[in-house]
Full PDB file with SEQRES, HELIX, SHEET, SSBOND, CRYST1, ORIGX, SCALE, CONECT and MASTER records, all heavy atoms in Angstrom:
SEQRES   1 A   38  ASP ASP TYR TYR ARG LYS ASN SER CYS ARG GLN TYR LEU          
SEQRES   2 A   38  SER GLN ILE THR THR PRO THR LEU ILE LEU GLN SER HIS          
SEQRES   3 A   38  ASP ASP PRO PHE MET ALA THR ASP GLN ILE PRO GLU              
HELIX    1 AA1 ASP A    2  ASN A    7  1                                   6    
HELIX    2 AA2 CYS A    9  GLN A   15  5                                   7    
HELIX    3 AA3 THR A   33  GLN A   35  5                                   3    
CRYST1    1.000    1.000    1.000  90.00  90.00  90.00 P 1           1          
ORIGX1      1.000000  0.000000  0.000000        0.00000                         
ORIGX2      0.000000  1.000000  0.000000        0.00000                         
ORIGX3      0.000000  0.000000  1.000000        0.00000                         
SCALE1      1.000000  0.000000  0.000000        0.00000                         
SCALE2      0.000000  1.000000  0.000000        0.00000                         
SCALE3      0.000000  0.000000  1.000000        0.00000                         
ATOM      1  N   ASP A   1      -2.910   6.737 -15.795  1.00  0.00           N  
ATOM      2  CA  ASP A   1      -2.983   7.572 -14.595  1.00  0.00           C  
ATOM      3  C   ASP A   1      -4.317   7.392 -13.880  1.00  0.00           C  
ATOM      4  O   ASP A   1      -4.368   7.310 -12.640  1.00  0.00           O  
ATOM      5  CB  ASP A   1      -2.779   9.048 -14.962  1.00  0.00           C  
ATOM      6  CG  ASP A   1      -1.366   9.337 -15.440  1.00  0.00           C  
ATOM      7  OD1 ASP A   1      -0.430   8.724 -14.903  1.00  0.00           O  
ATOM      8  OD2 ASP A   1      -1.202  10.162 -16.345  1.00  0.00           O  
ATOM      9  N   ASP A   2      -5.393   7.339 -14.628  1.00  0.00           N  
ATOM     10  CA  ASP A   2      -6.722   7.125 -14.057  1.00  0.00           C  
ATOM     11  C   ASP A   2      -6.807   5.757 -13.397  1.00  0.00           C  
ATOM     12  O   ASP A   2      -7.347   5.613 -12.282  1.00  0.00           O  
ATOM     13  CB  ASP A   2      -7.771   7.254 -15.160  1.00  0.00           C  
ATOM     14  CG  ASP A   2      -9.203   7.141 -14.651  1.00  0.00           C  
ATOM     15  OD1 ASP A   2      -9.539   7.812 -13.661  1.00  0.00           O  
ATOM     16  OD2 ASP A   2      -9.984   6.378 -15.257  1.00  0.00           O  
ATOM     17  N   TYR A   3      -6.274   4.752 -14.054  1.00  0.00           N  
ATOM     18  CA  TYR A   3      -6.247   3.388 -13.517  1.00  0.00           C  
ATOM     19  C   TYR A   3      -5.461   3.326 -12.216  1.00  0.00           C  
ATOM     20  O   TYR A   3      -5.936   2.774 -11.209  1.00  0.00           O  
ATOM     21  CB  TYR A   3      -5.647   2.450 -14.571  1.00  0.00           C  
ATOM     22  CG  TYR A   3      -5.185   1.114 -14.073  1.00  0.00           C  
ATOM     23  CD1 TYR A   3      -6.041   0.261 -13.379  1.00  0.00           C  
ATOM     24  CD2 TYR A   3      -3.880   0.681 -14.303  1.00  0.00           C  
ATOM     25  CE1 TYR A   3      -5.614  -0.982 -12.928  1.00  0.00           C  
ATOM     26  CE2 TYR A   3      -3.446  -0.555 -13.864  1.00  0.00           C  
ATOM     27  CZ  TYR A   3      -4.306  -1.384 -13.170  1.00  0.00           C  
ATOM     28  OH  TYR A   3      -3.876  -2.608 -12.721  1.00  0.00           O  
ATOM     29  N   TYR A   4      -4.271   3.909 -12.198  1.00  0.00           N  
ATOM     30  CA  TYR A   4      -3.439   3.881 -10.994  1.00  0.00           C  
ATOM     31  C   TYR A   4      -4.110   4.633  -9.845  1.00  0.00           C  
ATOM     32  O   TYR A   4      -4.117   4.166  -8.700  1.00  0.00           O  
ATOM     33  CB  TYR A   4      -2.076   4.509 -11.282  1.00  0.00           C  
ATOM     34  CG  TYR A   4      -1.215   3.769 -12.269  1.00  0.00           C  
ATOM     35  CD1 TYR A   4      -0.254   4.444 -13.036  1.00  0.00           C  
ATOM     36  CD2 TYR A   4      -1.341   2.397 -12.462  1.00  0.00           C  
ATOM     37  CE1 TYR A   4       0.549   3.775 -13.936  1.00  0.00           C  
ATOM     38  CE2 TYR A   4      -0.540   1.718 -13.371  1.00  0.00           C  
ATOM     39  CZ  TYR A   4       0.399   2.416 -14.105  1.00  0.00           C  
ATOM     40  OH  TYR A   4       1.190   1.748 -15.005  1.00  0.00           O  
ATOM     41  N   ARG A   5      -4.663   5.799 -10.157  1.00  0.00           N  
ATOM     42  CA  ARG A   5      -5.250   6.640  -9.105  1.00  0.00           C  
ATOM     43  C   ARG A   5      -6.436   5.957  -8.429  1.00  0.00           C  
ATOM     44  O   ARG A   5      -6.584   6.002  -7.211  1.00  0.00           O  
ATOM     45  CB  ARG A   5      -5.683   7.977  -9.701  1.00  0.00           C  
ATOM     46  CG  ARG A   5      -6.360   8.926  -8.722  1.00  0.00           C  
ATOM     47  CD  ARG A   5      -6.669  10.262  -9.380  1.00  0.00           C  
ATOM     48  NE  ARG A   5      -7.511  10.112 -10.560  1.00  0.00           N  
ATOM     49  CZ  ARG A   5      -8.833  10.002 -10.518  1.00  0.00           C  
ATOM     50  NH1 ARG A   5      -9.475  10.016  -9.344  1.00  0.00           N  
ATOM     51  NH2 ARG A   5      -9.534   9.882 -11.625  1.00  0.00           N  
ATOM     52  N   LYS A   6      -7.277   5.307  -9.200  1.00  0.00           N  
ATOM     53  CA  LYS A   6      -8.489   4.722  -8.648  1.00  0.00           C  
ATOM     54  C   LYS A   6      -8.258   3.373  -7.964  1.00  0.00           C  
ATOM     55  O   LYS A   6      -9.088   2.950  -7.142  1.00  0.00           O  
ATOM     56  CB  LYS A   6      -9.526   4.558  -9.755  1.00  0.00           C  
ATOM     57  CG  LYS A   6     -10.079   5.869 -10.282  1.00  0.00           C  
ATOM     58  CD  LYS A   6     -11.073   5.655 -11.406  1.00  0.00           C  
ATOM     59  CE  LYS A   6     -11.674   6.977 -11.874  1.00  0.00           C  
ATOM     60  NZ  LYS A   6     -12.586   6.796 -13.039  1.00  0.00           N  
ATOM     61  N   ASN A   7      -7.163   2.709  -8.261  1.00  0.00           N  
ATOM     62  CA  ASN A   7      -7.015   1.323  -7.821  1.00  0.00           C  
ATOM     63  C   ASN A   7      -5.868   1.059  -6.858  1.00  0.00           C  
ATOM     64  O   ASN A   7      -5.715  -0.072  -6.396  1.00  0.00           O  
ATOM     65  CB  ASN A   7      -6.870   0.423  -9.045  1.00  0.00           C  
ATOM     66  CG  ASN A   7      -8.147   0.378  -9.866  1.00  0.00           C  
ATOM     67  OD1 ASN A   7      -9.132  -0.226  -9.468  1.00  0.00           O  
ATOM     68  ND2 ASN A   7      -8.134   1.039 -11.023  1.00  0.00           N  
ATOM     69  N   SER A   8      -5.074   2.055  -6.526  1.00  0.00           N  
ATOM     70  CA  SER A   8      -4.024   1.867  -5.527  1.00  0.00           C  
ATOM     71  C   SER A   8      -4.662   1.665  -4.161  1.00  0.00           C  
ATOM     72  O   SER A   8      -5.509   2.453  -3.737  1.00  0.00           O  
ATOM     73  CB  SER A   8      -3.093   3.079  -5.498  1.00  0.00           C  
ATOM     74  OG  SER A   8      -2.409   3.215  -6.726  1.00  0.00           O  
ATOM     75  N   CYS A   9      -4.242   0.635  -3.452  1.00  0.00           N  
ATOM     76  CA  CYS A   9      -4.907   0.286  -2.192  1.00  0.00           C  
ATOM     77  C   CYS A   9      -4.540   1.210  -1.035  1.00  0.00           C  
ATOM     78  O   CYS A   9      -5.225   1.216  -0.011  1.00  0.00           O  
ATOM     79  CB  CYS A   9      -4.596  -1.158  -1.816  1.00  0.00           C  
ATOM     80  SG  CYS A   9      -2.892  -1.430  -1.246  1.00  0.00           S  
ATOM     81  N   ARG A  10      -3.488   2.007  -1.180  1.00  0.00           N  
ATOM     82  CA  ARG A  10      -3.020   2.822  -0.051  1.00  0.00           C  
ATOM     83  C   ARG A  10      -4.127   3.715   0.491  1.00  0.00           C  
ATOM     84  O   ARG A  10      -4.240   3.913   1.710  1.00  0.00           O  
ATOM     85  CB  ARG A  10      -1.818   3.656  -0.486  1.00  0.00           C  
ATOM     86  CG  ARG A  10      -1.146   4.407   0.652  1.00  0.00           C  
ATOM     87  CD  ARG A  10       0.168   5.014   0.221  1.00  0.00           C  
ATOM     88  NE  ARG A  10       0.848   5.658   1.329  1.00  0.00           N  
ATOM     89  CZ  ARG A  10       2.100   6.121   1.278  1.00  0.00           C  
ATOM     90  NH1 ARG A  10       2.801   5.978   0.161  1.00  0.00           N  
ATOM     91  NH2 ARG A  10       2.646   6.699   2.331  1.00  0.00           N  
ATOM     92  N   GLN A  11      -4.955   4.242  -0.379  1.00  0.00           N  
ATOM     93  CA  GLN A  11      -6.023   5.155   0.034  1.00  0.00           C  
ATOM     94  C   GLN A  11      -7.152   4.448   0.781  1.00  0.00           C  
ATOM     95  O   GLN A  11      -8.007   5.111   1.375  1.00  0.00           O  
ATOM     96  CB  GLN A  11      -6.592   5.842  -1.209  1.00  0.00           C  
ATOM     97  CG  GLN A  11      -7.216   4.888  -2.218  1.00  0.00           C  
ATOM     98  CD  GLN A  11      -7.421   5.506  -3.575  1.00  0.00           C  
ATOM     99  OE1 GLN A  11      -8.044   6.562  -3.677  1.00  0.00           O  
ATOM    100  NE2 GLN A  11      -6.916   4.875  -4.620  1.00  0.00           N  
ATOM    101  N   TYR A  12      -7.158   3.105   0.760  1.00  0.00           N  
ATOM    102  CA  TYR A  12      -8.218   2.337   1.417  1.00  0.00           C  
ATOM    103  C   TYR A  12      -7.781   1.744   2.757  1.00  0.00           C  
ATOM    104  O   TYR A  12      -8.619   1.207   3.486  1.00  0.00           O  
ATOM    105  CB  TYR A  12      -8.666   1.193   0.505  1.00  0.00           C  
ATOM    106  CG  TYR A  12      -9.351   1.646  -0.755  1.00  0.00           C  
ATOM    107  CD1 TYR A  12      -8.627   1.854  -1.922  1.00  0.00           C  
ATOM    108  CD2 TYR A  12     -10.720   1.875  -0.780  1.00  0.00           C  
ATOM    109  CE1 TYR A  12      -9.256   2.282  -3.089  1.00  0.00           C  
ATOM    110  CE2 TYR A  12     -11.360   2.297  -1.944  1.00  0.00           C  
ATOM    111  CZ  TYR A  12     -10.610   2.501  -3.099  1.00  0.00           C  
ATOM    112  OH  TYR A  12     -11.246   2.914  -4.242  1.00  0.00           O  
ATOM    113  N   LEU A  13      -6.497   1.824   3.082  1.00  0.00           N  
ATOM    114  CA  LEU A  13      -5.982   1.125   4.260  1.00  0.00           C  
ATOM    115  C   LEU A  13      -6.624   1.598   5.560  1.00  0.00           C  
ATOM    116  O   LEU A  13      -6.870   0.798   6.469  1.00  0.00           O  
ATOM    117  CB  LEU A  13      -4.467   1.296   4.350  1.00  0.00           C  
ATOM    118  CG  LEU A  13      -3.633   0.720   3.193  1.00  0.00           C  
ATOM    119  CD1 LEU A  13      -2.152   1.023   3.410  1.00  0.00           C  
ATOM    120  CD2 LEU A  13      -3.852  -0.788   3.069  1.00  0.00           C  
ATOM    121  N   SER A  14      -6.901   2.880   5.663  1.00  0.00           N  
ATOM    122  CA  SER A  14      -7.435   3.426   6.921  1.00  0.00           C  
ATOM    123  C   SER A  14      -8.827   2.904   7.237  1.00  0.00           C  
ATOM    124  O   SER A  14      -9.287   3.004   8.379  1.00  0.00           O  
ATOM    125  CB  SER A  14      -7.467   4.952   6.857  1.00  0.00           C  
ATOM    126  OG  SER A  14      -8.353   5.392   5.834  1.00  0.00           O  
ATOM    127  N   GLN A  15      -9.523   2.339   6.250  1.00  0.00           N  
ATOM    128  CA  GLN A  15     -10.892   1.882   6.440  1.00  0.00           C  
ATOM    129  C   GLN A  15     -10.984   0.400   6.818  1.00  0.00           C  
ATOM    130  O   GLN A  15     -12.080  -0.114   7.052  1.00  0.00           O  
ATOM    131  CB  GLN A  15     -11.684   2.125   5.152  1.00  0.00           C  
ATOM    132  CG  GLN A  15     -11.675   3.578   4.697  1.00  0.00           C  
ATOM    133  CD  GLN A  15     -12.207   3.739   3.279  1.00  0.00           C  
ATOM    134  OE1 GLN A  15     -13.254   3.203   2.937  1.00  0.00           O  
ATOM    135  NE2 GLN A  15     -11.470   4.459   2.452  1.00  0.00           N  
ATOM    136  N   ILE A  16      -9.854  -0.295   6.865  1.00  0.00           N  
ATOM    137  CA  ILE A  16      -9.869  -1.738   7.114  1.00  0.00           C  
ATOM    138  C   ILE A  16     -10.046  -2.020   8.599  1.00  0.00           C  
ATOM    139  O   ILE A  16      -9.285  -1.530   9.440  1.00  0.00           O  
ATOM    140  CB  ILE A  16      -8.571  -2.391   6.604  1.00  0.00           C  
ATOM    141  CG1 ILE A  16      -8.450  -2.204   5.086  1.00  0.00           C  
ATOM    142  CG2 ILE A  16      -8.534  -3.883   6.960  1.00  0.00           C  
ATOM    143  CD1 ILE A  16      -7.142  -2.716   4.512  1.00  0.00           C  
ATOM    144  N   THR A  17     -11.036  -2.821   8.930  1.00  0.00           N  
ATOM    145  CA  THR A  17     -11.271  -3.246  10.308  1.00  0.00           C  
ATOM    146  C   THR A  17     -11.048  -4.742  10.499  1.00  0.00           C  
ATOM    147  O   THR A  17     -10.919  -5.207  11.631  1.00  0.00           O  
ATOM    148  CB  THR A  17     -12.712  -2.898  10.735  1.00  0.00           C  
ATOM    149  OG1 THR A  17     -13.646  -3.526   9.841  1.00  0.00           O  
ATOM    150  CG2 THR A  17     -12.934  -1.391  10.704  1.00  0.00           C  
ATOM    151  N   THR A  18     -11.011  -5.506   9.418  1.00  0.00           N  
ATOM    152  CA  THR A  18     -10.738  -6.943   9.496  1.00  0.00           C  
ATOM    153  C   THR A  18      -9.321  -7.169  10.013  1.00  0.00           C  
ATOM    154  O   THR A  18      -8.390  -6.472   9.587  1.00  0.00           O  
ATOM    155  CB  THR A  18     -10.865  -7.582   8.095  1.00  0.00           C  
ATOM    156  OG1 THR A  18     -12.177  -7.351   7.595  1.00  0.00           O  
ATOM    157  CG2 THR A  18     -10.592  -9.074   8.146  1.00  0.00           C  
ATOM    158  N   PRO A  19      -9.095  -8.125  10.935  1.00  0.00           N  
ATOM    159  CA  PRO A  19      -7.729  -8.432  11.368  1.00  0.00           C  
ATOM    160  C   PRO A  19      -6.858  -8.780  10.167  1.00  0.00           C  
ATOM    161  O   PRO A  19      -7.100  -9.785   9.476  1.00  0.00           O  
ATOM    162  CB  PRO A  19      -7.909  -9.642  12.289  1.00  0.00           C  
ATOM    163  CG  PRO A  19      -9.315  -9.531  12.777  1.00  0.00           C  
ATOM    164  CD  PRO A  19     -10.095  -8.943  11.646  1.00  0.00           C  
ATOM    165  N   THR A  20      -5.869  -7.930   9.880  1.00  0.00           N  
ATOM    166  CA  THR A  20      -5.096  -8.039   8.642  1.00  0.00           C  
ATOM    167  C   THR A  20      -3.614  -7.877   8.912  1.00  0.00           C  
ATOM    168  O   THR A  20      -3.192  -6.903   9.546  1.00  0.00           O  
ATOM    169  CB  THR A  20      -5.550  -6.968   7.629  1.00  0.00           C  
ATOM    170  OG1 THR A  20      -6.946  -7.127   7.348  1.00  0.00           O  
ATOM    171  CG2 THR A  20      -4.770  -7.077   6.332  1.00  0.00           C  
ATOM    172  N   LEU A  21      -2.823  -8.817   8.401  1.00  0.00           N  
ATOM    173  CA  LEU A  21      -1.363  -8.758   8.486  1.00  0.00           C  
ATOM    174  C   LEU A  21      -0.810  -8.381   7.124  1.00  0.00           C  
ATOM    175  O   LEU A  21      -1.151  -8.994   6.113  1.00  0.00           O  
ATOM    176  CB  LEU A  21      -0.803 -10.119   8.908  1.00  0.00           C  
ATOM    177  CG  LEU A  21       0.723 -10.274   8.883  1.00  0.00           C  
ATOM    178  CD1 LEU A  21       1.379  -9.390   9.941  1.00  0.00           C  
ATOM    179  CD2 LEU A  21       1.117 -11.740   9.080  1.00  0.00           C  
ATOM    180  N   ILE A  22       0.046  -7.351   7.083  1.00  0.00           N  
ATOM    181  CA  ILE A  22       0.746  -6.980   5.854  1.00  0.00           C  
ATOM    182  C   ILE A  22       2.235  -7.226   6.075  1.00  0.00           C  
ATOM    183  O   ILE A  22       2.820  -6.699   7.026  1.00  0.00           O  
ATOM    184  CB  ILE A  22       0.509  -5.511   5.478  1.00  0.00           C  
ATOM    185  CG1 ILE A  22      -0.985  -5.224   5.297  1.00  0.00           C  
ATOM    186  CG2 ILE A  22       1.272  -5.165   4.200  1.00  0.00           C  
ATOM    187  CD1 ILE A  22      -1.293  -3.762   4.998  1.00  0.00           C  
ATOM    188  N   LEU A  23       2.827  -8.011   5.201  1.00  0.00           N  
ATOM    189  CA  LEU A  23       4.260  -8.303   5.257  1.00  0.00           C  
ATOM    190  C   LEU A  23       4.954  -7.603   4.092  1.00  0.00           C  
ATOM    191  O   LEU A  23       4.609  -7.835   2.927  1.00  0.00           O  
ATOM    192  CB  LEU A  23       4.509  -9.809   5.198  1.00  0.00           C  
ATOM    193  CG  LEU A  23       3.969 -10.627   6.370  1.00  0.00           C  
ATOM    194  CD1 LEU A  23       4.183 -12.116   6.129  1.00  0.00           C  
ATOM    195  CD2 LEU A  23       4.632 -10.204   7.678  1.00  0.00           C  
ATOM    196  N   GLN A  24       5.908  -6.766   4.417  1.00  0.00           N  
ATOM    197  CA  GLN A  24       6.575  -5.955   3.401  1.00  0.00           C  
ATOM    198  C   GLN A  24       8.071  -5.920   3.677  1.00  0.00           C  
ATOM    199  O   GLN A  24       8.501  -6.145   4.821  1.00  0.00           O  
ATOM    200  CB  GLN A  24       5.998  -4.537   3.439  1.00  0.00           C  
ATOM    201  CG  GLN A  24       6.021  -3.805   2.125  1.00  0.00           C  
ATOM    202  CD  GLN A  24       4.980  -4.310   1.158  1.00  0.00           C  
ATOM    203  OE1 GLN A  24       4.020  -4.977   1.532  1.00  0.00           O  
ATOM    204  NE2 GLN A  24       5.156  -3.995  -0.119  1.00  0.00           N  
ATOM    205  N   SER A  25       8.851  -5.624   2.647  1.00  0.00           N  
ATOM    206  CA  SER A  25      10.300  -5.558   2.805  1.00  0.00           C  
ATOM    207  C   SER A  25      10.821  -4.188   2.388  1.00  0.00           C  
ATOM    208  O   SER A  25      10.344  -3.609   1.406  1.00  0.00           O  
ATOM    209  CB  SER A  25      10.969  -6.643   1.952  1.00  0.00           C  
ATOM    210  OG  SER A  25      12.373  -6.492   1.963  1.00  0.00           O  
ATOM    211  N   HIS A  26      11.807  -3.693   3.121  1.00  0.00           N  
ATOM    212  CA  HIS A  26      12.427  -2.415   2.779  1.00  0.00           C  
ATOM    213  C   HIS A  26      13.151  -2.483   1.439  1.00  0.00           C  
ATOM    214  O   HIS A  26      13.306  -1.455   0.771  1.00  0.00           O  
ATOM    215  CB  HIS A  26      13.408  -1.992   3.875  1.00  0.00           C  
ATOM    216  CG  HIS A  26      12.754  -1.413   5.094  1.00  0.00           C  
ATOM    217  ND1 HIS A  26      12.063  -0.223   5.077  1.00  0.00           N  
ATOM    218  CD2 HIS A  26      12.685  -1.875   6.374  1.00  0.00           C  
ATOM    219  CE1 HIS A  26      11.596   0.044   6.290  1.00  0.00           C  
ATOM    220  NE2 HIS A  26      11.955  -0.942   7.090  1.00  0.00           N  
ATOM    221  N   ASP A  27      13.618  -3.672   1.054  1.00  0.00           N  
ATOM    222  CA  ASP A  27      14.399  -3.782  -0.183  1.00  0.00           C  
ATOM    223  C   ASP A  27      13.583  -4.338  -1.349  1.00  0.00           C  
ATOM    224  O   ASP A  27      14.136  -4.853  -2.317  1.00  0.00           O  
ATOM    225  CB  ASP A  27      15.645  -4.637   0.032  1.00  0.00           C  
ATOM    226  CG  ASP A  27      15.332  -6.102   0.326  1.00  0.00           C  
ATOM    227  OD1 ASP A  27      14.154  -6.448   0.556  1.00  0.00           O  
ATOM    228  OD2 ASP A  27      16.291  -6.921   0.319  1.00  0.00           O  
ATOM    229  N   ASP A  28      12.261  -4.204  -1.277  1.00  0.00           N  
ATOM    230  CA  ASP A  28      11.410  -4.656  -2.378  1.00  0.00           C  
ATOM    231  C   ASP A  28      11.733  -3.846  -3.630  1.00  0.00           C  
ATOM    232  O   ASP A  28      11.603  -2.619  -3.632  1.00  0.00           O  
ATOM    233  CB  ASP A  28       9.936  -4.464  -1.994  1.00  0.00           C  
ATOM    234  CG  ASP A  28       8.977  -5.142  -2.962  1.00  0.00           C  
ATOM    235  OD1 ASP A  28       9.260  -5.165  -4.173  1.00  0.00           O  
ATOM    236  OD2 ASP A  28       7.933  -5.640  -2.513  1.00  0.00           O  
ATOM    237  N   PRO A  29      12.155  -4.507  -4.721  1.00  0.00           N  
ATOM    238  CA  PRO A  29      12.538  -3.771  -5.931  1.00  0.00           C  
ATOM    239  C   PRO A  29      11.367  -3.130  -6.657  1.00  0.00           C  
ATOM    240  O   PRO A  29      11.563  -2.372  -7.604  1.00  0.00           O  
ATOM    241  CB  PRO A  29      13.187  -4.861  -6.800  1.00  0.00           C  
ATOM    242  CG  PRO A  29      12.548  -6.135  -6.355  1.00  0.00           C  
ATOM    243  CD  PRO A  29      12.332  -5.965  -4.878  1.00  0.00           C  
ATOM    244  N   PHE A  30      10.145  -3.420  -6.232  1.00  0.00           N  
ATOM    245  CA  PHE A  30       8.974  -2.855  -6.889  1.00  0.00           C  
ATOM    246  C   PHE A  30       8.606  -1.478  -6.351  1.00  0.00           C  
ATOM    247  O   PHE A  30       7.725  -0.828  -6.917  1.00  0.00           O  
ATOM    248  CB  PHE A  30       7.761  -3.788  -6.719  1.00  0.00           C  
ATOM    249  CG  PHE A  30       7.757  -4.964  -7.648  1.00  0.00           C  
ATOM    250  CD1 PHE A  30       8.849  -5.817  -7.737  1.00  0.00           C  
ATOM    251  CD2 PHE A  30       6.658  -5.237  -8.435  1.00  0.00           C  
ATOM    252  CE1 PHE A  30       8.843  -6.911  -8.588  1.00  0.00           C  
ATOM    253  CE2 PHE A  30       6.635  -6.320  -9.292  1.00  0.00           C  
ATOM    254  CZ  PHE A  30       7.741  -7.162  -9.374  1.00  0.00           C  
ATOM    255  N   MET A  31       9.221  -1.052  -5.273  1.00  0.00           N  
ATOM    256  CA  MET A  31       8.806   0.226  -4.702  1.00  0.00           C  
ATOM    257  C   MET A  31       9.924   0.898  -3.922  1.00  0.00           C  
ATOM    258  O   MET A  31      10.846   0.246  -3.422  1.00  0.00           O  
ATOM    259  CB  MET A  31       7.603   0.028  -3.783  1.00  0.00           C  
ATOM    260  CG  MET A  31       7.883  -0.768  -2.535  1.00  0.00           C  
ATOM    261  SD  MET A  31       6.346  -1.204  -1.707  1.00  0.00           S  
ATOM    262  CE  MET A  31       5.654  -2.352  -2.900  1.00  0.00           C  
ATOM    263  N   ALA A  32       9.828   2.231  -3.851  1.00  0.00           N  
ATOM    264  CA  ALA A  32      10.737   3.008  -3.022  1.00  0.00           C  
ATOM    265  C   ALA A  32      10.217   3.000  -1.586  1.00  0.00           C  
ATOM    266  O   ALA A  32       9.038   2.733  -1.330  1.00  0.00           O  
ATOM    267  CB  ALA A  32      10.830   4.437  -3.545  1.00  0.00           C  
ATOM    268  N   THR A  33      11.096   3.305  -0.643  1.00  0.00           N  
ATOM    269  CA  THR A  33      10.725   3.257   0.772  1.00  0.00           C  
ATOM    270  C   THR A  33       9.573   4.193   1.100  1.00  0.00           C  
ATOM    271  O   THR A  33       8.716   3.869   1.943  1.00  0.00           O  
ATOM    272  CB  THR A  33      11.946   3.609   1.641  1.00  0.00           C  
ATOM    273  OG1 THR A  33      13.012   2.705   1.346  1.00  0.00           O  
ATOM    274  CG2 THR A  33      11.618   3.498   3.120  1.00  0.00           C  
ATOM    275  N   ASP A  34       9.510   5.347   0.411  1.00  0.00           N  
ATOM    276  CA  ASP A  34       8.449   6.304   0.739  1.00  0.00           C  
ATOM    277  C   ASP A  34       7.072   5.855   0.262  1.00  0.00           C  
ATOM    278  O   ASP A  34       6.074   6.511   0.530  1.00  0.00           O  
ATOM    279  CB  ASP A  34       8.780   7.691   0.176  1.00  0.00           C  
ATOM    280  CG  ASP A  34       8.879   7.715  -1.354  1.00  0.00           C  
ATOM    281  OD1 ASP A  34       8.631   6.670  -2.001  1.00  0.00           O  
ATOM    282  OD2 ASP A  34       9.204   8.788  -1.895  1.00  0.00           O  
ATOM    283  N   GLN A  35       7.006   4.729  -0.436  1.00  0.00           N  
ATOM    284  CA  GLN A  35       5.714   4.196  -0.855  1.00  0.00           C  
ATOM    285  C   GLN A  35       5.111   3.256   0.189  1.00  0.00           C  
ATOM    286  O   GLN A  35       3.972   2.805   0.038  1.00  0.00           O  
ATOM    287  CB  GLN A  35       5.860   3.466  -2.196  1.00  0.00           C  
ATOM    288  CG  GLN A  35       6.176   4.415  -3.346  1.00  0.00           C  
ATOM    289  CD  GLN A  35       6.687   3.689  -4.574  1.00  0.00           C  
ATOM    290  OE1 GLN A  35       6.415   2.513  -4.758  1.00  0.00           O  
ATOM    291  NE2 GLN A  35       7.436   4.393  -5.408  1.00  0.00           N  
ATOM    292  N   ILE A  36       5.859   2.956   1.229  1.00  0.00           N  
ATOM    293  CA  ILE A  36       5.338   2.135   2.318  1.00  0.00           C  
ATOM    294  C   ILE A  36       4.510   3.032   3.244  1.00  0.00           C  
ATOM    295  O   ILE A  36       4.971   4.091   3.674  1.00  0.00           O  
ATOM    296  CB  ILE A  36       6.483   1.479   3.100  1.00  0.00           C  
ATOM    297  CG1 ILE A  36       7.274   0.544   2.177  1.00  0.00           C  
ATOM    298  CG2 ILE A  36       5.947   0.699   4.298  1.00  0.00           C  
ATOM    299  CD1 ILE A  36       8.511  -0.054   2.811  1.00  0.00           C  
ATOM    300  N   PRO A  37       3.282   2.672   3.542  1.00  0.00           N  
ATOM    301  CA  PRO A  37       2.412   3.541   4.343  1.00  0.00           C  
ATOM    302  C   PRO A  37       2.923   3.743   5.765  1.00  0.00           C  
ATOM    303  O   PRO A  37       3.587   2.872   6.338  1.00  0.00           O  
ATOM    304  CB  PRO A  37       1.070   2.810   4.323  1.00  0.00           C  
ATOM    305  CG  PRO A  37       1.397   1.391   4.017  1.00  0.00           C  
ATOM    306  CD  PRO A  37       2.597   1.426   3.127  1.00  0.00           C  
ATOM    307  N   GLU A  38       2.581   4.893   6.331  1.00  0.00           N  
ATOM    308  CA  GLU A  38       2.903   5.211   7.712  1.00  0.00           C  
ATOM    309  C   GLU A  38       1.859   4.602   8.640  1.00  0.00           C  
ATOM    310  O   GLU A  38       0.755   4.228   8.221  1.00  0.00           O  
ATOM    311  CB  GLU A  38       2.948   6.722   7.900  1.00  0.00           C  
ATOM    312  CG  GLU A  38       3.943   7.444   7.012  1.00  0.00           C  
ATOM    313  CD  GLU A  38       5.387   7.150   7.391  1.00  0.00           C  
ATOM    314  OE1 GLU A  38       5.621   6.763   8.566  1.00  0.00           O  
ATOM    315  OE2 GLU A  38       6.269   7.303   6.533  1.00  0.00           O  
TER     316      GLU A  38                                                      
MASTER        0    0    0    3    0    0    0    6  315    1    0    3          
END                                                                             
């Protein structure tokens, strides 16, 4: 739990200023749809 909490990138996304492309799929078997950031 400590490892997951400290290292999930979702909490860092708002701080990114570098031009960055994220490619994601709605049917990714590794995650539920609500895990995709808004």
